[in-house]
Amino acid sequence: MMAKVGADLTMTPAIERGKSWLARSDLRPTRQRVALAALLVGDGNNRHVTAESLFAAAKGDGEQVSLATVYNTLKAFCDAGLMQEVTVDGSRSYFDTNTHDHPHFFWEDEGHLTDAPSDQLVITNLPEAPAGSEIASVEVVIRLRKKS
């Protein structure tokens, strides 16, 4: 559940958390960034969103923001290290406020992403990176569907 922000951005706990989260980066805390940050982290919980779901939450909260602005803001949050982008199916992106390395479950039937237990994942061997390169990260997305 996303935090209710309101178009006036009065200093609610959600807004305070959003501003504090933004302060961990060099991003300027514009009204729209603060509003989106409050929706993302205002309740103190990590979440996975799509640009479309964040846009809908912002619109439902009375925030005047375009879908393009939401996409650009999420990209800026990722570039600033505040979020990470998780791509599913090569075309659908989810944005995760938990920036620590961890695996994900992708629930195909519902089309949403959740964290998978990190302590249960063991990767024992990775292929060597080609000459002149290094492995920057390993993403693990475990696709789930209901049993037939």
C-alpha atoms as a PDB file:
ATOM      1  CA  MET A   1       0.000   0.000   0.000  1.00  0.00           C
ATOM      2  CA  MET A   2       1.384   3.379  -0.953  1.00  0.00           C
ATOM      3  CA  ALA A   3       1.400   6.381   1.353  1.00  0.00           C
ATOM      4  CA  LYS A   4      -1.181   9.107   0.847  1.00  0.00           C
ATOM      5  CA  VAL A   5       0.717  12.260  -0.033  1.00  0.00           C
ATOM      6  CA  GLY A   6      -1.695  14.907  -1.325  1.00  0.00           C
ATOM      7  CA  ALA A   7      -0.958  17.611  -3.849  1.00  0.00           C
ATOM      8  CA  ASP A   8       0.040  20.243  -1.253  1.00  0.00           C
ATOM      9  CA  LEU A   9       2.994  18.243   0.131  1.00  0.00           C
ATOM     10  CA  THR A  10       2.386  19.198   3.749  1.00  0.00           C
ATOM     11  CA  MET A  11       5.055  17.803   6.061  1.00  0.00           C
ATOM     12  CA  THR A  12       3.629  14.384   6.806  1.00  0.00           C
ATOM     13  CA  PRO A  13       5.799  11.491   8.011  1.00  0.00           C
ATOM     14  CA  ALA A  14       5.665  10.118   4.436  1.00  0.00           C
ATOM     15  CA  ILE A  15       6.980  13.392   3.016  1.00  0.00           C
ATOM     16  CA  GLU A  16       9.692  13.555   5.688  1.00  0.00           C
ATOM     17  CA  ARG A  17      10.823   9.999   4.824  1.00  0.00           C
ATOM     18  CA  GLY A  18      10.754  10.813   1.115  1.00  0.00           C
ATOM     19  CA  LYS A  19      12.873  13.934   1.614  1.00  0.00           C
ATOM     20  CA  SER A  20      15.309  12.057   3.839  1.00  0.00           C
ATOM     21  CA  TRP A  21      15.607   9.282   1.239  1.00  0.00           C
ATOM     22  CA  LEU A  22      16.248  11.828  -1.515  1.00  0.00           C
ATOM     23  CA  ALA A  23      18.870  13.565   0.644  1.00  0.00           C
ATOM     24  CA  ARG A  24      21.038  10.432   0.338  1.00  0.00           C
ATOM     25  CA  SER A  25      21.654  11.466  -3.272  1.00  0.00           C
ATOM     26  CA  ASP A  26      22.677  14.584  -5.161  1.00  0.00           C
ATOM     27  CA  LEU A  27      19.208  14.885  -6.710  1.00  0.00           C
ATOM     28  CA  ARG A  28      17.408  18.182  -6.283  1.00  0.00           C
ATOM     29  CA  PRO A  29      14.244  17.604  -4.189  1.00  0.00           C
ATOM     30  CA  THR A  30      11.665  18.955  -6.624  1.00  0.00           C
ATOM     31  CA  ARG A  31       8.000  18.810  -5.670  1.00  0.00           C
ATOM     32  CA  GLN A  32       7.358  15.878  -8.006  1.00  0.00           C
ATOM     33  CA  ARG A  33      10.432  13.933  -6.835  1.00  0.00           C
ATOM     34  CA  VAL A  34       9.444  14.428  -3.207  1.00  0.00           C
ATOM     35  CA  ALA A  35       5.878  13.319  -3.927  1.00  0.00           C
ATOM     36  CA  LEU A  36       7.044  10.184  -5.768  1.00  0.00           C
ATOM     37  CA  ALA A  37       9.668   9.438  -3.112  1.00  0.00           C
ATOM     38  CA  ALA A  38       6.983   9.687  -0.423  1.00  0.00           C
ATOM     39  CA  LEU A  39       4.857   7.178  -2.333  1.00  0.00           C
ATOM     40  CA  LEU A  40       7.838   4.842  -2.678  1.00  0.00           C
ATOM     41  CA  VAL A  41       9.324   4.947   0.840  1.00  0.00           C
ATOM     42  CA  GLY A  42       6.903   7.023   2.889  1.00  0.00           C
ATOM     43  CA  ASP A  43       5.671   4.103   4.967  1.00  0.00           C
ATOM     44  CA  GLY A  44       9.212   2.868   5.659  1.00  0.00           C
ATOM     45  CA  ASN A  45       8.781  -0.319   3.624  1.00  0.00           C
ATOM     46  CA  ASN A  46      10.609  -1.413   0.492  1.00  0.00           C
ATOM     47  CA  ARG A  47       8.511  -1.983  -2.572  1.00  0.00           C
ATOM     48  CA  HIS A  48       8.586  -3.013  -6.202  1.00  0.00           C
ATOM     49  CA  VAL A  49       6.733  -0.782  -8.646  1.00  0.00           C
ATOM     50  CA  THR A  50       6.341  -0.305 -12.341  1.00  0.00           C
ATOM     51  CA  ALA A  51       6.284   3.196 -13.774  1.00  0.00           C
ATOM     52  CA  GLU A  52       2.621   2.637 -14.568  1.00  0.00           C
ATOM     53  CA  SER A  53       1.707   1.567 -11.028  1.00  0.00           C
ATOM     54  CA  LEU A  54       3.560   4.529  -9.503  1.00  0.00           C
ATOM     55  CA  PHE A  55       1.882   6.866 -12.000  1.00  0.00           C
ATOM     56  CA  ALA A  56      -1.546   5.482 -11.040  1.00  0.00           C
ATOM     57  CA  ALA A  57      -0.767   5.886  -7.330  1.00  0.00           C
ATOM     58  CA  ALA A  58       0.382   9.466  -7.867  1.00  0.00           C
ATOM     59  CA  LYS A  59      -2.697  10.330  -9.920  1.00  0.00           C
ATOM     60  CA  GLY A  60      -4.926   8.658  -7.310  1.00  0.00           C
ATOM     61  CA  ASP A  61      -3.248  10.859  -4.726  1.00  0.00           C
ATOM     62  CA  GLY A  62      -4.039  14.003  -6.694  1.00  0.00           C
ATOM     63  CA  GLU A  63      -0.461  14.584  -7.856  1.00  0.00           C
ATOM     64  CA  GLN A  64      -0.116  16.370 -11.213  1.00  0.00           C
ATOM     65  CA  VAL A  65       2.549  14.280 -12.913  1.00  0.00           C
ATOM     66  CA  SER A  66       2.943  12.768 -16.378  1.00  0.00           C
ATOM     67  CA  LEU A  67       3.883   9.176 -17.074  1.00  0.00           C
ATOM     68  CA  ALA A  68       7.042  10.451 -18.814  1.00  0.00           C
ATOM     69  CA  THR A  69       8.011  12.323 -15.639  1.00  0.00           C
ATOM     70  CA  VAL A  70       7.490   9.165 -13.594  1.00  0.00           C
ATOM     71  CA  TYR A  71       9.741   7.185 -15.971  1.00  0.00           C
ATOM     72  CA  ASN A  72      12.404   9.909 -15.904  1.00  0.00           C
ATOM     73  CA  THR A  73      12.229  10.183 -12.123  1.00  0.00           C
ATOM     74  CA  LEU A  74      12.557   6.433 -11.610  1.00  0.00           C
ATOM     75  CA  LYS A  75      15.570   6.430 -13.951  1.00  0.00           C
ATOM     76  CA  ALA A  76      17.106   9.320 -11.985  1.00  0.00           C
ATOM     77  CA  PHE A  77      16.458   7.467  -8.696  1.00  0.00           C
ATOM     78  CA  CYS A  78      18.226   4.389 -10.130  1.00  0.00           C
ATOM     79  CA  ASP A  79      21.149   6.435 -11.476  1.00  0.00           C
ATOM     80  CA  ALA A  80      21.499   8.041  -8.028  1.00  0.00           C
ATOM     81  CA  GLY A  81      21.660   4.598  -6.364  1.00  0.00           C
ATOM     82  CA  LEU A  82      18.353   5.008  -4.530  1.00  0.00           C
ATOM     83  CA  MET A  83      16.646   2.165  -6.419  1.00  0.00           C
ATOM     84  CA  GLN A  84      17.479  -0.676  -8.730  1.00  0.00           C
ATOM     85  CA  GLU A  85      15.777  -1.651 -11.950  1.00  0.00           C
ATOM     86  CA  VAL A  86      14.792  -5.297 -12.413  1.00  0.00           C
ATOM     87  CA  THR A  87      13.910  -6.240 -15.975  1.00  0.00           C
ATOM     88  CA  VAL A  88      11.510  -9.112 -16.553  1.00  0.00           C
ATOM     89  CA  ASP A  89      10.900 -10.547 -20.025  1.00  0.00           C
ATOM     90  CA  GLY A  90      13.400  -8.120 -21.527  1.00  0.00           C
ATOM     91  CA  SER A  91      10.712  -5.474 -21.840  1.00  0.00           C
ATOM     92  CA  ARG A  92       8.948  -5.002 -18.502  1.00  0.00           C
ATOM     93  CA  SER A  93      10.833  -3.154 -15.772  1.00  0.00           C
ATOM     94  CA  TYR A  94      10.175  -3.105 -12.053  1.00  0.00           C
ATOM     95  CA  PHE A  95      11.847  -0.650  -9.732  1.00  0.00           C
ATOM     96  CA  ASP A  96      12.958  -1.853  -6.318  1.00  0.00           C
ATOM     97  CA  THR A  97      13.693   0.424  -3.359  1.00  0.00           C
ATOM     98  CA  ASN A  98      15.824  -2.336  -1.793  1.00  0.00           C
ATOM     99  CA  THR A  99      19.236  -1.759  -3.354  1.00  0.00           C
ATOM    100  CA  HIS A 100      21.000  -4.678  -1.670  1.00  0.00           C
ATOM    101  CA  ASP A 101      21.772  -7.692  -3.854  1.00  0.00           C
ATOM    102  CA  HIS A 102      18.877 -10.128  -3.504  1.00  0.00           C
ATOM    103  CA  PRO A 103      16.842 -12.520  -5.670  1.00  0.00           C
ATOM    104  CA  HIS A 104      13.270 -11.948  -6.794  1.00  0.00           C
ATOM    105  CA  PHE A 105      10.152 -13.972  -7.474  1.00  0.00           C
ATOM    106  CA  PHE A 106       8.193 -12.908 -10.546  1.00  0.00           C
ATOM    107  CA  TRP A 107       4.598 -14.037 -10.191  1.00  0.00           C
ATOM    108  CA  GLU A 108       3.582 -14.625 -13.821  1.00  0.00           C
ATOM    109  CA  ASP A 109      -0.140 -15.066 -13.127  1.00  0.00           C
ATOM    110  CA  GLU A 110      -0.435 -11.768 -11.266  1.00  0.00           C
ATOM    111  CA  GLY A 111       2.388  -9.896 -13.023  1.00  0.00           C
ATOM    112  CA  HIS A 112       4.177  -8.660  -9.922  1.00  0.00           C
ATOM    113  CA  LEU A 113       7.596  -8.921  -8.350  1.00  0.00           C
ATOM    114  CA  THR A 114       8.505  -9.770  -4.748  1.00  0.00           C
ATOM    115  CA  ASP A 115      11.728 -10.407  -2.884  1.00  0.00           C
ATOM    116  CA  ALA A 116      12.847 -14.029  -2.617  1.00  0.00           C
ATOM    117  CA  PRO A 117      14.711 -15.241   0.475  1.00  0.00           C
ATOM    118  CA  SER A 118      18.405 -14.443  -0.033  1.00  0.00           C
ATOM    119  CA  ASP A 119      19.532 -16.932   2.593  1.00  0.00           C
ATOM    120  CA  GLN A 120      18.108 -19.824   0.551  1.00  0.00           C
ATOM    121  CA  LEU A 121      19.958 -18.965  -2.660  1.00  0.00           C
ATOM    122  CA  VAL A 122      23.398 -20.443  -3.206  1.00  0.00           C
ATOM    123  CA  ILE A 123      25.328 -19.717  -6.387  1.00  0.00           C
ATOM    124  CA  THR A 124      28.349 -21.968  -6.386  1.00  0.00           C
ATOM    125  CA  ASN A 125      29.932 -21.231  -9.744  1.00  0.00           C
ATOM    126  CA  LEU A 126      29.772 -18.476 -12.315  1.00  0.00           C
ATOM    127  CA  PRO A 127      31.401 -18.568 -15.724  1.00  0.00           C
ATOM    128  CA  GLU A 128      34.577 -16.546 -16.066  1.00  0.00           C
ATOM    129  CA  ALA A 129      34.086 -13.107 -17.528  1.00  0.00           C
ATOM    130  CA  PRO A 130      35.601 -12.636 -20.985  1.00  0.00           C
ATOM    131  CA  ALA A 131      39.072 -11.110 -21.153  1.00  0.00           C
ATOM    132  CA  GLY A 132      39.096  -7.423 -20.330  1.00  0.00           C
ATOM    133  CA  SER A 133      35.794  -7.497 -18.455  1.00  0.00           C
ATOM    134  CA  GLU A 134      34.492  -8.205 -14.980  1.00  0.00           C
ATOM    135  CA  ILE A 135      31.156  -9.345 -13.601  1.00  0.00           C
ATOM    136  CA  ALA A 136      29.351  -6.260 -12.277  1.00  0.00           C
ATOM    137  CA  SER A 137      26.373  -8.074 -10.772  1.00  0.00           C
ATOM    138  CA  VAL A 138      24.206 -11.161 -11.003  1.00  0.00           C
ATOM    139  CA  GLU A 139      20.443 -10.809 -11.094  1.00  0.00           C
ATOM    140  CA  VAL A 140      18.255 -13.731 -10.151  1.00  0.00           C
ATOM    141  CA  VAL A 141      14.569 -13.660 -11.087  1.00  0.00           C
ATOM    142  CA  ILE A 142      12.673 -16.845 -10.313  1.00  0.00           C
ATOM    143  CA  ARG A 143       9.503 -17.074 -12.375  1.00  0.00           C
ATOM    144  CA  LEU A 144       6.493 -18.602 -10.641  1.00  0.00           C
ATOM    145  CA  ARG A 145       3.033 -19.669 -11.826  1.00  0.00           C
ATOM    146  CA  LYS A 146       0.156 -21.496 -10.228  1.00  0.00           C
ATOM    147  CA  LYS A 147       0.226 -25.265 -10.567  1.00  0.00           C
ATOM    148  CA  SER A 148      -2.208 -26.682 -13.097  1.00  0.00           C
END
